[in-house]
Amino acid sequence: MWDEPYLETCCRSALHRLKLASADGRPPGLQDHPCLRRLSEMGLAAAGPDDRYRITDAGRARHAAEIQAAG
């Protein structure tokens, strides 16, 4: 049974961009900021002291299972 919360297409894309951004992260205020906030609330991303969003270990696992596996 699937027990993960559903990720909208826009949030899946934002998660992939976070993965690509690596340690640099993504700044707030971009078009995907609402998705970055949602990902943060889900524990898949986290905003650092510089307000840039970075992927978490849970985000990396979700990316590997759901996005990377599909590609």
PDB file of N, CA and C in Angstrom:
ATOM      1  N   MET A   1       0.847  -1.179   0.000  1.00  0.00           N
ATOM      2  CA  MET A   1       0.000   0.000   0.000  1.00  0.00           C
ATOM      3  C   MET A   1       0.890   1.239   0.000  1.00  0.00           C
ATOM      4  N   TRP A   2       0.528   2.197  -0.819  1.00  0.00           N
ATOM      5  CA  TRP A   2       1.288   3.441  -0.927  1.00  0.00           C
ATOM      6  C   TRP A   2       0.960   4.319   0.266  1.00  0.00           C
ATOM      7  N   ASP A   3       1.953   4.720   1.024  1.00  0.00           N
ATOM      8  CA  ASP A   3       1.684   5.542   2.206  1.00  0.00           C
ATOM      9  C   ASP A   3       2.383   6.895   2.170  1.00  0.00           C
ATOM     10  N   GLU A   4       2.995   7.244   1.028  1.00  0.00           N
ATOM     11  CA  GLU A   4       3.645   8.540   0.886  1.00  0.00           C
ATOM     12  C   GLU A   4       2.627   9.576   0.420  1.00  0.00           C
ATOM     13  N   PRO A   5       2.715  10.811   0.917  1.00  0.00           N
ATOM     14  CA  PRO A   5       1.839  11.871   0.398  1.00  0.00           C
ATOM     15  C   PRO A   5       2.129  12.103  -1.082  1.00  0.00           C
ATOM     16  N   TYR A   6       1.083  12.376  -1.835  1.00  0.00           N
ATOM     17  CA  TYR A   6       1.206  12.614  -3.274  1.00  0.00           C
ATOM     18  C   TYR A   6       1.962  13.915  -3.541  1.00  0.00           C
ATOM     19  N   LEU A   7       2.850  13.886  -4.519  1.00  0.00           N
ATOM     20  CA  LEU A   7       3.552  15.091  -4.948  1.00  0.00           C
ATOM     21  C   LEU A   7       2.972  15.545  -6.282  1.00  0.00           C
ATOM     22  N   GLU A   8       2.487  16.775  -6.318  1.00  0.00           N
ATOM     23  CA  GLU A   8       2.031  17.354  -7.580  1.00  0.00           C
ATOM     24  C   GLU A   8       3.213  17.420  -8.541  1.00  0.00           C
ATOM     25  N   THR A   9       2.911  17.493  -9.823  1.00  0.00           N
ATOM     26  CA  THR A   9       3.957  17.554 -10.842  1.00  0.00           C
ATOM     27  C   THR A   9       4.907  18.722 -10.601  1.00  0.00           C
ATOM     28  N   CYS A  10       4.361  19.871 -10.220  1.00  0.00           N
ATOM     29  CA  CYS A  10       5.220  21.039  -9.984  1.00  0.00           C
ATOM     30  C   CYS A  10       6.175  20.787  -8.810  1.00  0.00           C
ATOM     31  N   CYS A  11       5.702  20.106  -7.781  1.00  0.00           N
ATOM     32  CA  CYS A  11       6.545  19.825  -6.619  1.00  0.00           C
ATOM     33  C   CYS A  11       7.585  18.750  -6.940  1.00  0.00           C
ATOM     34  N   ARG A  12       7.218  17.798  -7.790  1.00  0.00           N
ATOM     35  CA  ARG A  12       8.196  16.794  -8.235  1.00  0.00           C
ATOM     36  C   ARG A  12       9.327  17.494  -8.989  1.00  0.00           C
ATOM     37  N   SER A  13       8.958  18.451  -9.831  1.00  0.00           N
ATOM     38  CA  SER A  13       9.966  19.211 -10.579  1.00  0.00           C
ATOM     39  C   SER A  13      10.840  20.027  -9.636  1.00  0.00           C
ATOM     40  N   ALA A  14      10.231  20.641  -8.639  1.00  0.00           N
ATOM     41  CA  ALA A  14      10.995  21.422  -7.657  1.00  0.00           C
ATOM     42  C   ALA A  14      11.956  20.519  -6.888  1.00  0.00           C
ATOM     43  N   LEU A  15      11.512  19.321  -6.542  1.00  0.00           N
ATOM     44  CA  LEU A  15      12.384  18.374  -5.841  1.00  0.00           C
ATOM     45  C   LEU A  15      13.563  17.997  -6.739  1.00  0.00           C
ATOM     46  N   HIS A  16      13.309  17.798  -8.022  1.00  0.00           N
ATOM     47  CA  HIS A  16      14.393  17.466  -8.946  1.00  0.00           C
ATOM     48  C   HIS A  16      15.379  18.637  -9.065  1.00  0.00           C
ATOM     49  N   ARG A  17      14.863  19.858  -9.127  1.00  0.00           N
ATOM     50  CA  ARG A  17      15.753  21.022  -9.188  1.00  0.00           C
ATOM     51  C   ARG A  17      16.583  21.146  -7.916  1.00  0.00           C
ATOM     52  N   LEU A  18      15.993  20.801  -6.779  1.00  0.00           N
ATOM     53  CA  LEU A  18      16.768  20.814  -5.519  1.00  0.00           C
ATOM     54  C   LEU A  18      17.906  19.815  -5.591  1.00  0.00           C
ATOM     55  N   LYS A  19      17.623  18.646  -6.121  1.00  0.00           N
ATOM     56  CA  LYS A  19      18.660  17.617  -6.252  1.00  0.00           C
ATOM     57  C   LYS A  19      19.782  18.122  -7.147  1.00  0.00           C
ATOM     58  N   LEU A  20      19.418  18.765  -8.248  1.00  0.00           N
ATOM     59  CA  LEU A  20      20.425  19.291  -9.165  1.00  0.00           C
ATOM     60  C   LEU A  20      21.208  20.451  -8.560  1.00  0.00           C
ATOM     61  N   ALA A  21      20.571  21.241  -7.696  1.00  0.00           N
ATOM     62  CA  ALA A  21      21.234  22.395  -7.077  1.00  0.00           C
ATOM     63  C   ALA A  21      22.284  21.975  -6.067  1.00  0.00           C
ATOM     64  N   SER A  22      22.179  20.756  -5.555  1.00  0.00           N
ATOM     65  CA  SER A  22      23.154  20.214  -4.619  1.00  0.00           C
ATOM     66  C   SER A  22      23.297  21.120  -3.395  1.00  0.00           C
ATOM     67  N   ALA A  23      24.519  21.351  -2.948  1.00  0.00           N
ATOM     68  CA  ALA A  23      24.755  22.121  -1.726  1.00  0.00           C
ATOM     69  C   ALA A  23      24.458  23.606  -1.887  1.00  0.00           C
ATOM     70  N   ASP A  24      24.403  24.080  -3.130  1.00  0.00           N
ATOM     71  CA  ASP A  24      24.108  25.493  -3.356  1.00  0.00           C
ATOM     72  C   ASP A  24      22.670  25.829  -2.968  1.00  0.00           C
ATOM     73  N   GLY A  25      21.767  24.887  -3.135  1.00  0.00           N
ATOM     74  CA  GLY A  25      20.373  25.117  -2.784  1.00  0.00           C
ATOM     75  C   GLY A  25      19.665  26.033  -3.769  1.00  0.00           C
ATOM     76  N   ARG A  26      18.412  26.319  -3.453  1.00  0.00           N
ATOM     77  CA  ARG A  26      17.573  27.188  -4.288  1.00  0.00           C
ATOM     78  C   ARG A  26      17.126  28.372  -3.441  1.00  0.00           C
ATOM     79  N   PRO A  27      17.239  29.578  -3.973  1.00  0.00           N
ATOM     80  CA  PRO A  27      16.841  30.758  -3.205  1.00  0.00           C
ATOM     81  C   PRO A  27      15.326  30.900  -3.135  1.00  0.00           C
ATOM     82  N   PRO A  28      14.827  31.590  -2.123  1.00  0.00           N
ATOM     83  CA  PRO A  28      13.394  31.864  -2.055  1.00  0.00           C
ATOM     84  C   PRO A  28      13.034  32.910  -3.105  1.00  0.00           C
ATOM     85  N   GLY A  29      11.755  33.018  -3.370  1.00  0.00           N
ATOM     86  CA  GLY A  29      11.278  34.058  -4.270  1.00  0.00           C
ATOM     87  C   GLY A  29      11.197  33.653  -5.730  1.00  0.00           C
ATOM     88  N   LEU A  30      11.612  32.431  -6.054  1.00  0.00           N
ATOM     89  CA  LEU A  30      11.487  31.966  -7.429  1.00  0.00           C
ATOM     90  C   LEU A  30      10.072  31.426  -7.649  1.00  0.00           C
ATOM     91  N   GLN A  31       9.745  31.102  -8.892  1.00  0.00           N
ATOM     92  CA  GLN A  31       8.398  30.607  -9.187  1.00  0.00           C
ATOM     93  C   GLN A  31       8.045  29.351  -8.409  1.00  0.00           C
ATOM     94  N   ASP A  32       9.038  28.524  -8.080  1.00  0.00           N
ATOM     95  CA  ASP A  32       8.738  27.279  -7.377  1.00  0.00           C
ATOM     96  C   ASP A  32       8.757  27.429  -5.848  1.00  0.00           C
ATOM     97  N   HIS A  33       8.773  28.655  -5.359  1.00  0.00           N
ATOM     98  CA  HIS A  33       8.823  28.881  -3.911  1.00  0.00           C
ATOM     99  C   HIS A  33       7.665  28.209  -3.166  1.00  0.00           C
ATOM    100  N   PRO A  34       6.412  28.264  -3.672  1.00  0.00           N
ATOM    101  CA  PRO A  34       5.335  27.546  -2.959  1.00  0.00           C
ATOM    102  C   PRO A  34       5.609  26.045  -2.855  1.00  0.00           C
ATOM    103  N   CYS A  35       6.174  25.468  -3.898  1.00  0.00           N
ATOM    104  CA  CYS A  35       6.505  24.042  -3.850  1.00  0.00           C
ATOM    105  C   CYS A  35       7.649  23.778  -2.872  1.00  0.00           C
ATOM    106  N   LEU A  36       8.629  24.668  -2.853  1.00  0.00           N
ATOM    107  CA  LEU A  36       9.739  24.496  -1.911  1.00  0.00           C
ATOM    108  C   LEU A  36       9.234  24.548  -0.473  1.00  0.00           C
ATOM    109  N   ARG A  37       8.281  25.444  -0.202  1.00  0.00           N
ATOM    110  CA  ARG A  37       7.678  25.495   1.137  1.00  0.00           C
ATOM    111  C   ARG A  37       6.949  24.186   1.442  1.00  0.00           C
ATOM    112  N   ARG A  38       6.182  23.679   0.461  1.00  0.00           N
ATOM    113  CA  ARG A  38       5.465  22.407   0.663  1.00  0.00           C
ATOM    114  C   ARG A  38       6.440  21.270   0.914  1.00  0.00           C
ATOM    115  N   LEU A  39       7.505  21.211   0.111  1.00  0.00           N
ATOM    116  CA  LEU A  39       8.511  20.168   0.298  1.00  0.00           C
ATOM    117  C   LEU A  39       9.152  20.272   1.674  1.00  0.00           C
ATOM    118  N   SER A  40       9.362  21.484   2.129  1.00  0.00           N
ATOM    119  CA  SER A  40       9.926  21.703   3.457  1.00  0.00           C
ATOM    120  C   SER A  40       8.973  21.204   4.546  1.00  0.00           C
ATOM    121  N   GLU A  41       7.687  21.491   4.383  1.00  0.00           N
ATOM    122  CA  GLU A  41       6.692  21.018   5.350  1.00  0.00           C
ATOM    123  C   GLU A  41       6.623  19.495   5.386  1.00  0.00           C
ATOM    124  N   MET A  42       6.940  18.855   4.264  1.00  0.00           N
ATOM    125  CA  MET A  42       6.925  17.395   4.179  1.00  0.00           C
ATOM    126  C   MET A  42       8.246  16.775   4.639  1.00  0.00           C
ATOM    127  N   GLY A  43       9.246  17.611   4.941  1.00  0.00           N
ATOM    128  CA  GLY A  43      10.545  17.108   5.386  1.00  0.00           C
ATOM    129  C   GLY A  43      11.461  16.705   4.240  1.00  0.00           C
ATOM    130  N   LEU A  44      11.090  17.041   3.005  1.00  0.00           N
ATOM    131  CA  LEU A  44      11.899  16.674   1.843  1.00  0.00           C
ATOM    132  C   LEU A  44      12.909  17.757   1.489  1.00  0.00           C
ATOM    133  N   ALA A  45      12.737  18.926   2.058  1.00  0.00           N
ATOM    134  CA  ALA A  45      13.644  20.058   1.860  1.00  0.00           C
ATOM    135  C   ALA A  45      13.742  20.810   3.176  1.00  0.00           C
ATOM    136  N   ALA A  46      14.743  21.646   3.271  1.00  0.00           N
ATOM    137  CA  ALA A  46      14.904  22.469   4.477  1.00  0.00           C
ATOM    138  C   ALA A  46      15.535  23.794   4.083  1.00  0.00           C
ATOM    139  N   ALA A  47      15.048  24.861   4.674  1.00  0.00           N
ATOM    140  CA  ALA A  47      15.627  26.186   4.446  1.00  0.00           C
ATOM    141  C   ALA A  47      16.759  26.387   5.454  1.00  0.00           C
ATOM    142  N   GLY A  48      17.899  26.789   4.946  1.00  0.00           N
ATOM    143  CA  GLY A  48      19.048  27.020   5.806  1.00  0.00           C
ATOM    144  C   GLY A  48      19.050  28.434   6.356  1.00  0.00           C
ATOM    145  N   PRO A  49      20.074  28.779   7.132  1.00  0.00           N
ATOM    146  CA  PRO A  49      20.165  30.114   7.707  1.00  0.00           C
ATOM    147  C   PRO A  49      20.269  31.211   6.647  1.00  0.00           C
ATOM    148  N   ASP A  50      20.668  30.840   5.431  1.00  0.00           N
ATOM    149  CA  ASP A  50      20.744  31.801   4.329  1.00  0.00           C
ATOM    150  C   ASP A  50      19.438  31.851   3.533  1.00  0.00           C
ATOM    151  N   ASP A  51      18.391  31.186   4.043  1.00  0.00           N
ATOM    152  CA  ASP A  51      17.062  31.118   3.434  1.00  0.00           C
ATOM    153  C   ASP A  51      17.023  30.320   2.134  1.00  0.00           C
ATOM    154  N   ARG A  52      18.105  29.675   1.761  1.00  0.00           N
ATOM    155  CA  ARG A  52      18.119  28.836   0.564  1.00  0.00           C
ATOM    156  C   ARG A  52      17.637  27.441   0.935  1.00  0.00           C
ATOM    157  N   TYR A  53      16.824  26.872   0.069  1.00  0.00           N
ATOM    158  CA  TYR A  53      16.289  25.533   0.304  1.00  0.00           C
ATOM    159  C   TYR A  53      17.252  24.486  -0.222  1.00  0.00           C
ATOM    160  N   ARG A  54      17.432  23.439   0.576  1.00  0.00           N
ATOM    161  CA  ARG A  54      18.290  22.329   0.193  1.00  0.00           C
ATOM    162  C   ARG A  54      17.544  21.023   0.424  1.00  0.00           C
ATOM    163  N   ILE A  55      17.874  20.038  -0.380  1.00  0.00           N
ATOM    164  CA  ILE A  55      17.232  18.737  -0.263  1.00  0.00           C
ATOM    165  C   ILE A  55      17.719  18.039   1.008  1.00  0.00           C
ATOM    166  N   THR A  56      16.831  17.338   1.667  1.00  0.00           N
ATOM    167  CA  THR A  56      17.180  16.577   2.874  1.00  0.00           C
ATOM    168  C   THR A  56      17.446  15.120   2.493  1.00  0.00           C
ATOM    169  N   ASP A  57      17.875  14.328   3.459  1.00  0.00           N
ATOM    170  CA  ASP A  57      18.067  12.896   3.207  1.00  0.00           C
ATOM    171  C   ASP A  57      16.751  12.245   2.786  1.00  0.00           C
ATOM    172  N   ALA A  58      15.666  12.654   3.426  1.00  0.00           N
ATOM    173  CA  ALA A  58      14.347  12.122   3.043  1.00  0.00           C
ATOM    174  C   ALA A  58      13.998  12.541   1.614  1.00  0.00           C
ATOM    175  N   GLY A  59      14.372  13.755   1.241  1.00  0.00           N
ATOM    176  CA  GLY A  59      14.144  14.229  -0.122  1.00  0.00           C
ATOM    177  C   GLY A  59      14.954  13.450  -1.143  1.00  0.00           C
ATOM    178  N   ARG A  60      16.188  13.130  -0.793  1.00  0.00           N
ATOM    179  CA  ARG A  60      17.028  12.325  -1.687  1.00  0.00           C
ATOM    180  C   ARG A  60      16.431  10.935  -1.878  1.00  0.00           C
ATOM    181  N   ALA A  61      15.943  10.354  -0.800  1.00  0.00           N
ATOM    182  CA  ALA A  61      15.332   9.023  -0.887  1.00  0.00           C
ATOM    183  C   ALA A  61      14.066   9.071  -1.742  1.00  0.00           C
ATOM    184  N   ARG A  62      13.247  10.092  -1.548  1.00  0.00           N
ATOM    185  CA  ARG A  62      12.012  10.221  -2.332  1.00  0.00           C
ATOM    186  C   ARG A  62      12.346  10.447  -3.811  1.00  0.00           C
ATOM    187  N   HIS A  63      13.371  11.264  -4.069  1.00  0.00           N
ATOM    188  CA  HIS A  63      13.797  11.516  -5.436  1.00  0.00           C
ATOM    189  C   HIS A  63      14.262  10.206  -6.095  1.00  0.00           C
ATOM    190  N   ALA A  64      15.047   9.428  -5.371  1.00  0.00           N
ATOM    191  CA  ALA A  64      15.555   8.167  -5.921  1.00  0.00           C
ATOM    192  C   ALA A  64      14.414   7.182  -6.201  1.00  0.00           C
ATOM    193  N   ALA A  65      13.442   7.136  -5.319  1.00  0.00           N
ATOM    194  CA  ALA A  65      12.346   6.180  -5.461  1.00  0.00           C
ATOM    195  C   ALA A  65      11.318   6.599  -6.503  1.00  0.00           C
ATOM    196  N   GLU A  66      11.088   7.880  -6.622  1.00  0.00           N
ATOM    197  CA  GLU A  66       9.956   8.337  -7.423  1.00  0.00           C
ATOM    198  C   GLU A  66      10.351   9.044  -8.711  1.00  0.00           C
ATOM    199  N   ILE A  67      11.431   9.771  -8.706  1.00  0.00           N
ATOM    200  CA  ILE A  67      11.789  10.577  -9.877  1.00  0.00           C
ATOM    201  C   ILE A  67      12.922   9.907 -10.655  1.00  0.00           C
ATOM    202  N   GLN A  68      13.987   9.582  -9.970  1.00  0.00           N
ATOM    203  CA  GLN A  68      15.120   8.960 -10.629  1.00  0.00           C
ATOM    204  C   GLN A  68      14.736   7.592 -11.193  1.00  0.00           C
ATOM    205  N   ALA A  69      13.904   6.852 -10.474  1.00  0.00           N
ATOM    206  CA  ALA A  69      13.479   5.529 -10.913  1.00  0.00           C
ATOM    207  C   ALA A  69      12.623   5.605 -12.182  1.00  0.00           C
ATOM    208  N   ALA A  70      11.920   6.722 -12.356  1.00  0.00           N
ATOM    209  CA  ALA A  70      11.060   6.879 -13.523  1.00  0.00           C
ATOM    210  C   ALA A  70      11.853   7.283 -14.766  1.00  0.00           C
ATOM    211  N   GLY A  71      13.043   7.807 -14.549  1.00  0.00           N
ATOM    212  CA  GLY A  71      13.835   8.338 -15.676  1.00  0.00           C
ATOM    213  C   GLY A  71      14.750   7.374 -16.241  1.00  0.00           C
TER     214      GLY A  71
END
